[in-house]
Amino acid sequence: MAAVAGAPLRELAAVYLPALRDLPGTQPVDMTDLLIVGAAASRLDRLIRPPGTSGGRPAVTSGP
């Protein structure tokens, strides 16, 4: 569990910490690009799962 939870932190460290950035040869993503990717991902999520849907899971209904 700790390995899975720590993976994103290690990936971010490899991109943003200068000492670790040299190992894989990465460059930090600037804020503009990060916002563009975030907006695109949010829009794509809305296209795949429109608001009001259960995301592929059966809807919970009450009643007889």
N, C-alpha and C. Protein backbone atom coordinates (compact mmCIF):
# COMPACT_ATOMS: atom_id res chain seq x y z
N MET A 1 0.83 -1.20 0.00
CA MET A 1 0.00 0.00 0.00
C MET A 1 0.87 1.26 0.00
N ALA A 2 1.92 1.25 0.80
CA ALA A 2 2.80 2.43 0.86
C ALA A 2 3.52 2.64 -0.47
N ALA A 3 3.86 1.57 -1.15
CA ALA A 3 4.53 1.70 -2.44
C ALA A 3 3.62 2.35 -3.47
N VAL A 4 2.36 1.98 -3.45
CA VAL A 4 1.39 2.56 -4.39
C VAL A 4 1.15 4.02 -4.06
N ALA A 5 1.01 4.32 -2.78
CA ALA A 5 0.76 5.70 -2.38
C ALA A 5 1.97 6.59 -2.63
N GLY A 6 3.17 6.04 -2.52
CA GLY A 6 4.37 6.84 -2.71
C GLY A 6 4.81 7.02 -4.14
N ALA A 7 4.26 6.24 -5.05
CA ALA A 7 4.66 6.32 -6.46
C ALA A 7 4.45 7.71 -7.06
N PRO A 8 3.28 8.33 -6.89
CA PRO A 8 3.11 9.67 -7.46
C PRO A 8 4.08 10.69 -6.87
N LEU A 9 4.39 10.55 -5.59
CA LEU A 9 5.34 11.47 -4.96
C LEU A 9 6.73 11.31 -5.55
N ARG A 10 7.13 10.08 -5.80
CA ARG A 10 8.44 9.84 -6.42
C ARG A 10 8.47 10.38 -7.84
N GLU A 11 7.39 10.24 -8.57
CA GLU A 11 7.35 10.75 -9.94
C GLU A 11 7.42 12.27 -9.95
N LEU A 12 6.69 12.92 -9.05
CA LEU A 12 6.76 14.38 -8.98
C LEU A 12 8.15 14.84 -8.56
N ALA A 13 8.76 14.12 -7.63
CA ALA A 13 10.11 14.48 -7.20
C ALA A 13 11.10 14.36 -8.36
N ALA A 14 10.94 13.36 -9.20
CA ALA A 14 11.84 13.17 -10.34
C ALA A 14 11.69 14.28 -11.37
N VAL A 15 10.55 14.95 -11.38
CA VAL A 15 10.33 16.03 -12.33
C VAL A 15 10.70 17.39 -11.74
N TYR A 16 10.41 17.61 -10.46
CA TYR A 16 10.55 18.95 -9.90
C TYR A 16 11.77 19.18 -9.02
N LEU A 17 12.40 18.15 -8.46
CA LEU A 17 13.60 18.36 -7.65
C LEU A 17 14.84 18.31 -8.54
N PRO A 18 15.61 19.41 -8.55
CA PRO A 18 16.76 19.49 -9.47
C PRO A 18 17.74 18.32 -9.34
N ALA A 19 18.00 17.86 -8.14
CA ALA A 19 18.97 16.77 -7.97
C ALA A 19 18.47 15.48 -8.61
N LEU A 20 17.18 15.22 -8.55
CA LEU A 20 16.62 14.00 -9.13
C LEU A 20 16.26 14.18 -10.61
N ARG A 21 16.07 15.40 -11.03
CA ARG A 21 15.69 15.68 -12.42
C ARG A 21 16.77 15.25 -13.41
N ASP A 22 18.03 15.32 -12.99
CA ASP A 22 19.13 14.95 -13.89
C ASP A 22 19.18 13.46 -14.17
N LEU A 23 18.70 12.63 -13.25
CA LEU A 23 18.76 11.18 -13.46
C LEU A 23 17.94 10.74 -14.66
N PRO A 24 16.63 11.05 -14.73
CA PRO A 24 15.88 10.62 -15.92
C PRO A 24 15.93 11.65 -17.04
N GLY A 25 16.51 12.83 -16.79
CA GLY A 25 16.58 13.85 -17.83
C GLY A 25 15.24 14.51 -18.10
N THR A 26 14.46 14.74 -17.05
CA THR A 26 13.14 15.34 -17.22
C THR A 26 13.20 16.85 -17.08
N GLN A 27 12.12 17.52 -17.49
CA GLN A 27 11.98 18.95 -17.34
C GLN A 27 10.67 19.21 -16.60
N PRO A 28 10.64 20.22 -15.74
CA PRO A 28 9.39 20.52 -15.05
C PRO A 28 8.34 21.05 -16.02
N VAL A 29 7.10 20.73 -15.74
CA VAL A 29 5.99 21.21 -16.56
C VAL A 29 5.60 22.58 -16.03
N ASP A 30 5.48 23.58 -16.92
CA ASP A 30 5.10 24.89 -16.42
C ASP A 30 3.59 24.92 -16.14
N MET A 31 3.18 25.93 -15.39
CA MET A 31 1.81 26.01 -14.90
C MET A 31 0.80 26.07 -16.04
N THR A 32 1.12 26.76 -17.12
CA THR A 32 0.18 26.86 -18.25
C THR A 32 -0.11 25.48 -18.84
N ASP A 33 0.93 24.72 -19.09
CA ASP A 33 0.74 23.38 -19.64
C ASP A 33 -0.03 22.48 -18.68
N LEU A 34 0.27 22.61 -17.39
CA LEU A 34 -0.42 21.80 -16.39
C LEU A 34 -1.91 22.13 -16.36
N LEU A 35 -2.25 23.40 -16.45
CA LEU A 35 -3.67 23.80 -16.47
C LEU A 35 -4.37 23.32 -17.74
N ILE A 36 -3.68 23.36 -18.87
CA ILE A 36 -4.27 22.89 -20.13
C ILE A 36 -4.57 21.40 -20.04
N VAL A 37 -3.62 20.63 -19.53
CA VAL A 37 -3.81 19.18 -19.40
C VAL A 37 -4.93 18.87 -18.41
N GLY A 38 -4.97 19.60 -17.30
CA GLY A 38 -6.03 19.40 -16.31
C GLY A 38 -7.40 19.71 -16.87
N ALA A 39 -7.51 20.80 -17.63
CA ALA A 39 -8.80 21.16 -18.23
C ALA A 39 -9.22 20.12 -19.27
N ALA A 40 -8.28 19.65 -20.07
CA ALA A 40 -8.60 18.64 -21.08
C ALA A 40 -9.04 17.34 -20.42
N ALA A 41 -8.36 16.95 -19.34
CA ALA A 41 -8.74 15.72 -18.64
C ALA A 41 -10.12 15.85 -18.02
N SER A 42 -10.42 17.01 -17.47
CA SER A 42 -11.73 17.23 -16.88
C SER A 42 -12.83 17.18 -17.94
N ARG A 43 -12.56 17.77 -19.08
CA ARG A 43 -13.54 17.78 -20.17
C ARG A 43 -13.74 16.36 -20.72
N LEU A 44 -12.66 15.63 -20.87
CA LEU A 44 -12.75 14.26 -21.37
C LEU A 44 -13.54 13.40 -20.40
N ASP A 45 -13.33 13.61 -19.10
CA ASP A 45 -14.07 12.85 -18.11
C ASP A 45 -15.56 13.14 -18.22
N ARG A 46 -15.92 14.38 -18.47
CA ARG A 46 -17.34 14.73 -18.62
C ARG A 46 -17.95 14.13 -19.88
N LEU A 47 -17.14 13.99 -20.93
CA LEU A 47 -17.65 13.37 -22.15
C LEU A 47 -17.85 11.87 -21.97
N ILE A 48 -16.93 11.26 -21.23
CA ILE A 48 -17.04 9.82 -21.01
C ILE A 48 -18.14 9.50 -20.02
N ARG A 49 -18.21 10.29 -18.94
CA ARG A 49 -19.22 10.08 -17.90
C ARG A 49 -19.97 11.39 -17.68
N PRO A 50 -21.06 11.62 -18.38
CA PRO A 50 -21.82 12.86 -18.21
C PRO A 50 -22.32 13.01 -16.78
N PRO A 51 -22.50 14.26 -16.31
CA PRO A 51 -23.03 14.47 -14.96
C PRO A 51 -24.36 13.74 -14.78
N GLY A 52 -24.54 13.16 -13.62
CA GLY A 52 -25.77 12.43 -13.34
C GLY A 52 -25.66 10.95 -13.60
N THR A 53 -24.56 10.51 -14.21
CA THR A 53 -24.37 9.07 -14.41
C THR A 53 -23.57 8.52 -13.25
N SER A 54 -23.61 7.22 -13.10
CA SER A 54 -22.93 6.58 -11.98
C SER A 54 -21.54 6.09 -12.35
N GLY A 55 -21.02 6.46 -13.48
CA GLY A 55 -19.67 6.05 -13.86
C GLY A 55 -19.53 4.58 -14.17
N GLY A 56 -20.56 3.97 -14.73
CA GLY A 56 -20.48 2.57 -15.10
C GLY A 56 -20.95 1.62 -14.03
N ARG A 57 -21.19 2.13 -12.84
CA ARG A 57 -21.70 1.28 -11.77
C ARG A 57 -23.22 1.32 -11.79
N PRO A 58 -23.86 0.26 -11.36
CA PRO A 58 -25.32 0.28 -11.33
C PRO A 58 -25.82 1.36 -10.39
N ALA A 59 -26.84 2.07 -10.81
CA ALA A 59 -27.41 3.12 -9.98
C ALA A 59 -28.15 2.50 -8.80
N VAL A 60 -28.02 3.16 -7.67
CA VAL A 60 -28.72 2.71 -6.47
C VAL A 60 -30.08 3.37 -6.47
N THR A 61 -31.10 2.56 -6.46
CA THR A 61 -32.46 3.10 -6.44
C THR A 61 -33.19 2.56 -5.22
N SER A 62 -34.16 3.31 -4.79
CA SER A 62 -34.97 2.84 -3.66
C SER A 62 -36.40 2.64 -4.15
N GLY A 63 -37.09 1.85 -3.41
CA GLY A 63 -38.48 1.60 -3.79
C GLY A 63 -38.71 0.13 -4.05
N PRO A 64 -39.94 -0.18 -4.35
CA PRO A 64 -40.29 -1.61 -4.56
C PRO A 64 -39.74 -2.19 -5.82
